[in-house]
Amino acid sequence: MADTSHGTGGLTFDKSKRSWPNELNILLALVIIIVVFEIIGQTAPYMRGQSFLFDTKDRFDSIFNEARLQIIILQVAIIGIIALGVTQVIITAGIDLSSGPLVAATAMVAMSFGQTELVNGQPNPKALFGPWAMDLPVMIPVAVGLAFGACIGAINGTFIAYLRIPPFIATLGMFLICRGIALWWSGGNPISFPTEQFASIGSGMMPVVWFIVLAIIFQIIMSYTVYGKHTYAIGSNEEAARMSGINVKRHKVMVYMIASMLAAFAGIVLSSKASTAQAGMGEFYELFAIAMAVIGGISLQGGRGSIIGTVLGAMVLGVIRSGFTYIKLDGSYQLMAMGGIIIAAVVLDQYRQRNRA
């Protein structure tokens, strides 16, 4: 017989039905995935006893394969920044498909104000504007990029909140608009040669630092501020949130603006790291960001999930992508497998929702 205790109104609580926090389940899944890749590396004949995350050479400075760990973390950091914003949108029961092209558009816009005037003593061959836009303080291209992202987010939020256009349609339209802006901004030509200050934004492991700092900030915001409480309330029951006095329309616009500003910042970091901006940047980033959130336990029905879950989901996705490369899985099979994983995560979310109901 299950151990029970009395609660309010004589109701009983069955301790056997308590579940772990969802984040612990994701962490356990991450460990299991790593173990699976390690077993494949040790047992598959073509792998020749290679280890996935551990250094099998005779070294004493570290037992881990630091190069692969850095690659995994760097792979997820920039898309992870986007996922932090996507998480907030999904918690409100919305969706944002425009973040990938917004990365490309912002990269083009910000880099055009972050260029250096001289390259090896000669005028910058990739200069988009005149000398007035060269060698500007780094805060100017960053501010321009974030302002551009805020405008895109405000448009998305206005269409969704005030004009009641479904989020899928509104952000799909903005997907095409942003991709068009990225192509139009410089006529399809790359914009290169940033200033040293601009290049330092994404140098080395800085993308990881930005990701971690932003994740901590938004975990605190979503857990302990009015903004976070209102976001969860709207996703759980929009009508009840409205009746309780929350300005739902204004809050939705704010959520989409924050999500777009995070995507814009990801574009700034990406162009800084690559030292160039190209119209084709950010391809599939919106899908991978959504996948990170869903794998991290964010409910597509809204009202449930956490930033910590998204960070763990990003790590799961990064380990899987790196693991597929590690076991030499063909790129076409990788895409199919990733699609299957995303579908499985959604099916699991639906199963959890039915159980909660």
Protein backbone atom coordinates (compact mmCIF):
# COMPACT_ATOMS: atom_id res chain seq x y z
CA MET A 1 0.00 0.00 0.00
CA ALA A 2 1.38 3.40 -0.99
CA ASP A 3 2.47 5.69 1.81
CA THR A 4 0.07 8.63 2.01
CA SER A 5 -0.36 11.68 4.19
CA HIS A 6 -3.36 13.93 4.72
CA GLY A 7 -3.52 17.27 3.01
CA THR A 8 -5.88 20.20 2.86
CA GLY A 9 -9.57 19.26 3.04
CA GLY A 10 -8.85 15.65 3.92
CA LEU A 11 -7.19 14.95 0.55
CA THR A 12 -4.32 12.50 0.53
CA PHE A 13 -0.95 12.77 -1.13
CA ASP A 14 0.59 9.62 -2.55
CA LYS A 15 4.35 9.86 -2.07
CA SER A 16 4.92 7.05 -4.57
CA LYS A 17 3.65 9.35 -7.33
CA ARG A 18 6.20 12.06 -6.71
CA SER A 19 8.46 12.57 -9.71
CA TRP A 20 11.94 13.95 -10.06
CA PRO A 21 12.34 17.47 -11.37
CA ASN A 22 12.29 17.38 -15.14
CA GLU A 23 15.82 18.81 -15.25
CA LEU A 24 17.16 15.72 -13.48
CA ASN A 25 15.54 13.51 -16.11
CA ILE A 26 17.26 15.50 -18.86
CA LEU A 27 20.59 15.31 -17.03
CA LEU A 28 20.17 11.55 -16.71
CA ALA A 29 19.39 11.31 -20.43
CA LEU A 30 22.55 13.31 -21.16
CA VAL A 31 24.66 10.89 -19.13
CA ILE A 32 23.06 7.89 -20.84
CA ILE A 33 23.74 9.35 -24.31
CA ILE A 34 27.40 9.92 -23.42
CA VAL A 35 27.69 6.33 -22.13
CA VAL A 36 26.13 4.98 -25.34
CA PHE A 37 28.65 6.82 -27.52
CA GLU A 38 31.49 5.64 -25.27
CA ILE A 39 30.32 2.02 -25.64
CA ILE A 40 30.11 2.38 -29.42
CA GLY A 41 33.60 3.83 -29.50
CA GLN A 42 35.02 0.98 -27.43
CA THR A 43 33.17 -1.89 -29.11
CA ALA A 44 32.68 -0.98 -32.78
CA PRO A 45 35.58 -2.46 -34.81
CA TYR A 46 35.97 0.58 -37.08
CA MET A 47 36.29 2.90 -34.07
CA ARG A 48 39.48 1.14 -32.88
CA GLY A 49 38.84 1.71 -29.21
CA GLN A 50 38.50 5.50 -29.38
CA SER A 51 36.91 7.33 -26.49
CA PHE A 52 34.19 9.92 -26.99
CA LEU A 53 34.94 12.37 -24.17
CA PHE A 54 37.99 10.97 -22.44
CA ASP A 55 41.64 11.35 -23.37
CA THR A 56 43.11 7.88 -23.90
CA LYS A 57 46.64 9.17 -24.46
CA ASP A 58 49.28 9.18 -21.74
CA ARG A 59 48.68 12.64 -20.37
CA PHE A 60 48.40 13.90 -16.84
CA ASP A 61 46.96 17.38 -17.30
CA SER A 62 43.41 16.23 -18.04
CA ILE A 63 41.46 13.00 -18.38
CA PHE A 64 38.97 14.61 -20.76
CA ASN A 65 39.19 15.21 -24.48
CA GLU A 66 39.27 18.97 -24.10
CA ALA A 67 39.20 19.63 -27.84
CA ARG A 68 35.92 17.75 -28.29
CA LEU A 69 34.40 19.32 -25.18
CA GLN A 70 35.22 22.79 -26.50
CA ILE A 71 33.72 21.95 -29.88
CA ILE A 72 30.52 20.65 -28.28
CA ILE A 73 30.12 23.72 -26.08
CA LEU A 74 30.94 26.18 -28.87
CA GLN A 75 28.48 24.42 -31.20
CA VAL A 76 25.58 24.98 -28.83
CA ALA A 77 26.53 28.37 -27.36
CA ILE A 78 25.35 30.69 -30.14
CA ILE A 79 22.19 28.71 -30.91
CA GLY A 80 21.71 28.36 -27.16
CA ILE A 81 21.49 32.16 -26.85
CA ILE A 82 18.62 32.05 -29.36
CA ALA A 83 17.04 29.17 -27.44
CA LEU A 84 16.88 31.30 -24.28
CA GLY A 85 14.52 33.67 -26.08
CA VAL A 86 12.62 30.91 -27.86
CA THR A 87 12.03 29.29 -24.46
CA GLN A 88 10.20 32.38 -23.19
CA VAL A 89 8.08 32.53 -26.34
CA ILE A 90 7.10 28.86 -26.08
CA ILE A 91 6.24 29.24 -22.39
CA THR A 92 3.60 31.79 -23.50
CA ALA A 93 2.27 29.06 -25.85
CA GLY A 94 3.75 30.84 -28.86
CA ILE A 95 6.43 30.02 -31.42
CA ASP A 96 9.14 32.02 -33.19
CA LEU A 97 10.37 30.86 -36.59
CA SER A 98 12.09 34.13 -37.50
CA SER A 99 15.14 33.82 -35.24
CA GLY A 100 17.43 32.06 -37.75
CA PRO A 101 17.08 34.62 -40.56
CA LEU A 102 17.16 37.38 -37.93
CA VAL A 103 20.64 36.15 -36.98
CA ALA A 104 21.77 36.66 -40.59
CA ALA A 105 20.07 40.04 -40.99
CA THR A 106 21.49 41.36 -37.72
CA ALA A 107 24.95 40.07 -38.58
CA MET A 108 24.85 42.05 -41.82
CA VAL A 109 23.51 45.21 -40.20
CA ALA A 110 25.83 45.16 -37.17
CA MET A 111 28.96 44.23 -39.13
CA SER A 112 28.39 47.12 -41.56
CA PHE A 113 28.86 49.49 -38.60
CA GLY A 114 31.65 47.44 -37.03
CA GLN A 115 34.17 47.55 -39.88
CA THR A 116 37.68 48.94 -39.78
CA GLU A 117 38.65 51.58 -42.32
CA LEU A 118 42.07 50.22 -43.26
CA VAL A 119 43.14 46.64 -44.00
CA ASN A 120 46.92 46.20 -44.29
CA GLY A 121 47.19 49.93 -44.86
CA GLN A 122 44.68 49.91 -47.72
CA PRO A 123 41.01 50.95 -47.75
CA ASN A 124 38.68 48.19 -46.60
CA PRO A 125 37.71 46.29 -49.80
CA LYS A 126 34.48 45.06 -48.18
CA ALA A 127 33.39 48.47 -46.87
CA LEU A 128 29.65 48.98 -47.22
CA PHE A 129 29.46 52.62 -46.14
CA GLY A 130 31.83 55.57 -46.16
CA PRO A 131 34.45 56.60 -43.58
CA TRP A 132 31.71 57.90 -41.27
CA ALA A 133 30.73 54.29 -40.49
CA MET A 134 34.29 53.00 -39.97
CA ASP A 135 36.20 52.38 -36.74
CA LEU A 136 33.20 53.24 -34.60
CA PRO A 137 33.14 52.38 -30.87
CA VAL A 138 32.01 48.81 -30.42
CA MET A 139 28.84 49.85 -28.59
CA ILE A 140 27.45 51.46 -31.76
CA PRO A 141 27.21 48.30 -33.93
CA VAL A 142 26.00 46.34 -30.90
CA ALA A 143 23.32 48.93 -30.14
CA VAL A 144 22.27 49.09 -33.80
CA GLY A 145 22.01 45.30 -33.96
CA LEU A 146 19.99 45.04 -30.75
CA ALA A 147 17.71 47.89 -31.82
CA PHE A 148 17.11 46.12 -35.13
CA GLY A 149 16.22 42.93 -33.25
CA ALA A 150 13.91 44.83 -30.92
CA CYS A 151 12.05 46.31 -33.91
CA ILE A 152 11.58 42.87 -35.48
CA GLY A 153 10.35 41.48 -32.15
CA ALA A 154 7.96 44.40 -31.67
CA ILE A 155 6.48 43.76 -35.10
CA ASN A 156 6.11 40.05 -34.37
CA GLY A 157 4.50 40.75 -31.01
CA THR A 158 2.13 43.37 -32.41
CA PHE A 159 0.92 41.06 -35.17
CA ILE A 160 0.37 38.24 -32.67
CA ALA A 161 -1.02 40.13 -29.67
CA TYR A 162 -3.00 42.95 -31.24
CA LEU A 163 -3.88 41.68 -34.72
CA ARG A 164 -4.34 38.10 -33.44
CA ILE A 165 -2.34 36.55 -36.27
CA PRO A 166 -1.28 33.00 -35.27
CA PRO A 167 2.36 33.01 -34.08
CA PHE A 168 3.32 30.38 -36.66
CA ILE A 169 2.09 32.52 -39.57
CA ALA A 170 3.37 35.85 -38.22
CA THR A 171 6.89 34.61 -37.53
CA LEU A 172 6.99 32.56 -40.74
CA GLY A 173 6.31 35.75 -42.66
CA MET A 174 9.03 37.53 -40.68
CA PHE A 175 11.32 34.57 -41.46
CA LEU A 176 11.11 35.48 -45.15
CA ILE A 177 11.33 39.22 -44.52
CA CYS A 178 14.53 38.88 -42.47
CA ARG A 179 16.12 36.55 -45.01
CA GLY A 180 15.27 39.10 -47.68
CA ILE A 181 16.78 41.93 -45.62
CA ALA A 182 19.98 39.92 -45.19
CA LEU A 183 20.25 39.44 -48.97
CA TRP A 184 19.28 43.03 -49.81
CA TRP A 185 21.47 44.83 -47.26
CA SER A 186 24.72 44.41 -49.20
CA GLY A 187 23.41 42.98 -52.46
CA GLY A 188 24.27 39.47 -51.31
CA ASN A 189 27.95 40.30 -50.78
CA PRO A 190 29.71 39.40 -47.51
CA ILE A 191 30.72 42.18 -45.13
CA SER A 192 34.12 41.60 -43.55
CA PHE A 193 37.12 43.04 -41.68
CA PRO A 194 35.70 44.15 -38.31
CA THR A 195 37.50 46.30 -35.78
CA GLU A 196 39.47 44.56 -33.06
CA GLN A 197 36.86 45.52 -30.46
CA PHE A 198 34.02 44.06 -32.51
CA ALA A 199 36.01 40.88 -33.27
CA SER A 200 36.67 40.37 -29.55
CA ILE A 201 32.94 39.90 -28.82
CA GLY A 202 32.99 36.37 -30.24
CA SER A 203 36.67 35.47 -29.98
CA GLY A 204 37.82 32.24 -28.35
CA MET A 205 35.34 30.90 -25.81
CA MET A 206 33.47 34.20 -25.46
CA PRO A 207 30.27 32.76 -27.05
CA VAL A 208 30.16 30.25 -24.19
CA VAL A 209 30.67 33.01 -21.63
CA TRP A 210 27.80 35.03 -23.13
CA PHE A 211 25.56 31.96 -23.17
CA ILE A 212 26.24 31.09 -19.53
CA VAL A 213 25.85 34.69 -18.31
CA LEU A 214 22.59 35.19 -20.20
CA ALA A 215 21.26 31.81 -19.03
CA ILE A 216 21.90 32.75 -15.39
CA ILE A 217 20.29 36.17 -15.85
CA PHE A 218 17.15 34.79 -17.47
CA GLN A 219 16.87 31.89 -15.04
CA ILE A 220 16.71 34.46 -12.25
CA ILE A 221 14.29 36.66 -14.21
CA MET A 222 11.94 33.78 -15.04
CA SER A 223 12.02 32.42 -11.48
CA TYR A 224 11.88 35.50 -9.28
CA THR A 225 10.46 38.48 -11.17
CA VAL A 226 7.00 39.68 -12.12
CA TYR A 227 7.97 39.32 -15.78
CA GLY A 228 8.62 35.60 -15.31
CA LYS A 229 5.47 34.99 -13.29
CA HIS A 230 3.34 36.76 -15.90
CA THR A 231 4.99 34.78 -18.70
CA TYR A 232 4.12 31.47 -17.06
CA ALA A 233 0.62 32.69 -16.20
CA ILE A 234 -0.14 33.63 -19.81
CA GLY A 235 1.10 30.27 -21.08
CA SER A 236 -0.87 28.33 -18.47
CA ASN A 237 -4.19 30.10 -19.01
CA GLU A 238 -4.27 33.29 -21.04
CA GLU A 239 -7.86 34.16 -20.19
CA ALA A 240 -7.27 33.66 -16.46
CA ALA A 241 -4.13 35.81 -16.71
CA ARG A 242 -6.16 38.56 -18.38
CA MET A 243 -8.87 38.36 -15.73
CA SER A 244 -6.24 38.63 -13.00
CA GLY A 245 -5.15 42.02 -14.32
CA ILE A 246 -2.14 41.09 -16.48
CA ASN A 247 -1.81 43.19 -19.63
CA VAL A 248 -1.47 40.12 -21.84
CA LYS A 249 -1.03 41.97 -25.14
CA ARG A 250 1.71 44.25 -23.87
CA HIS A 251 3.48 41.36 -22.18
CA LYS A 252 3.45 39.25 -25.34
CA VAL A 253 5.02 42.09 -27.29
CA MET A 254 7.71 42.32 -24.61
CA VAL A 255 8.40 38.57 -24.76
CA TYR A 256 8.81 38.61 -28.55
CA MET A 257 11.03 41.69 -28.34
CA ILE A 258 13.32 40.00 -25.81
CA ALA A 259 13.45 36.82 -27.90
CA SER A 260 14.36 38.80 -31.03
CA MET A 261 16.99 40.83 -29.18
CA LEU A 262 18.61 37.59 -28.00
CA ALA A 263 18.58 36.28 -31.58
CA ALA A 264 20.06 39.59 -32.73
CA PHE A 265 22.81 39.33 -30.12
CA ALA A 266 23.52 35.78 -31.33
CA GLY A 267 23.96 37.26 -34.82
CA ILE A 268 26.41 39.82 -33.47
CA VAL A 269 28.42 37.13 -31.67
CA LEU A 270 28.39 34.86 -34.74
CA SER A 271 29.59 37.57 -37.13
CA SER A 272 32.24 38.62 -34.62
CA LYS A 273 33.50 35.07 -34.26
CA ALA A 274 33.61 34.51 -38.03
CA SER A 275 34.98 38.04 -38.67
CA THR A 276 32.49 38.27 -41.51
CA ALA A 277 28.75 38.54 -42.08
CA GLN A 278 26.99 36.61 -44.82
CA ALA A 279 23.35 36.47 -45.86
CA GLY A 280 23.24 32.68 -45.50
CA MET A 281 24.15 32.68 -41.81
CA GLY A 282 21.75 31.20 -39.27
CA GLU A 283 20.31 28.49 -41.51
CA PHE A 284 18.19 26.05 -39.44
CA TYR A 285 19.14 27.92 -36.25
CA GLU A 286 15.49 28.56 -35.41
CA LEU A 287 14.72 24.84 -35.65
CA PHE A 288 17.68 23.82 -33.52
CA ALA A 289 16.77 26.47 -30.93
CA ILE A 290 13.22 25.14 -30.73
CA ALA A 291 14.62 21.60 -30.49
CA MET A 292 16.85 22.60 -27.56
CA ALA A 293 13.85 24.01 -25.72
CA VAL A 294 11.63 20.99 -26.42
CA ILE A 295 14.34 18.48 -25.50
CA GLY A 296 14.86 20.56 -22.35
CA GLY A 297 11.28 19.90 -21.27
CA ILE A 298 9.58 23.11 -22.43
CA SER A 299 5.94 22.27 -23.12
CA LEU A 300 4.66 23.34 -26.54
CA GLN A 301 1.30 23.85 -24.85
CA GLY A 302 2.85 26.67 -22.82
CA GLY A 303 3.12 27.40 -19.12
CA ARG A 304 5.83 24.90 -18.25
CA GLY A 305 9.61 24.66 -18.54
CA SER A 306 12.75 26.41 -17.34
CA ILE A 307 15.89 28.08 -18.62
CA ILE A 308 17.96 25.39 -16.87
CA GLY A 309 16.05 22.76 -18.84
CA THR A 310 16.84 24.56 -22.09
CA VAL A 311 20.55 24.72 -21.20
CA LEU A 312 20.54 20.99 -20.55
CA GLY A 313 18.58 20.45 -23.77
CA ALA A 314 21.26 22.42 -25.61
CA MET A 315 23.94 20.16 -24.14
CA VAL A 316 21.97 17.05 -25.11
CA LEU A 317 21.64 18.30 -28.69
CA GLY A 318 25.32 19.27 -28.80
CA VAL A 319 26.45 15.88 -27.51
CA ILE A 320 24.21 14.08 -30.01
CA ARG A 321 25.48 16.12 -32.96
CA SER A 322 29.10 15.67 -31.92
CA GLY A 323 28.48 11.98 -31.19
CA PHE A 324 27.06 11.40 -34.66
CA THR A 325 30.20 12.92 -36.16
CA TYR A 326 32.33 10.89 -33.75
CA ILE A 327 30.81 7.58 -34.91
CA LYS A 328 31.18 8.77 -38.54
CA LEU A 329 27.47 8.86 -39.30
CA ASP A 330 26.76 10.26 -42.76
CA GLY A 331 25.45 13.84 -42.78
CA SER A 332 22.15 12.88 -44.43
CA TYR A 333 21.52 10.25 -41.76
CA GLN A 334 22.40 12.81 -39.09
CA LEU A 335 19.64 15.14 -40.29
CA MET A 336 17.12 12.31 -40.38
CA ALA A 337 18.13 11.17 -36.90
CA MET A 338 17.90 14.71 -35.53
CA GLY A 339 14.42 15.03 -37.00
CA GLY A 340 13.41 11.77 -35.34
CA ILE A 341 14.78 12.98 -31.99
CA ILE A 342 12.79 16.21 -32.21
CA ILE A 343 9.59 14.31 -33.02
CA ALA A 344 10.27 11.92 -30.13
CA ALA A 345 10.72 14.87 -27.76
CA VAL A 346 7.36 16.32 -28.85
CA VAL A 347 5.65 12.93 -28.45
CA LEU A 348 7.13 12.68 -24.95
CA ASP A 349 5.84 16.16 -24.16
CA GLN A 350 2.33 15.16 -25.27
CA TYR A 351 2.55 12.02 -23.13
CA ARG A 352 3.54 14.10 -20.10
CA GLN A 353 0.67 16.51 -20.74
CA ARG A 354 -1.88 13.66 -20.83
CA ASN A 355 -0.51 12.24 -17.59
CA ARG A 356 -0.68 15.65 -15.89
CA ALA A 357 -4.27 16.05 -17.09
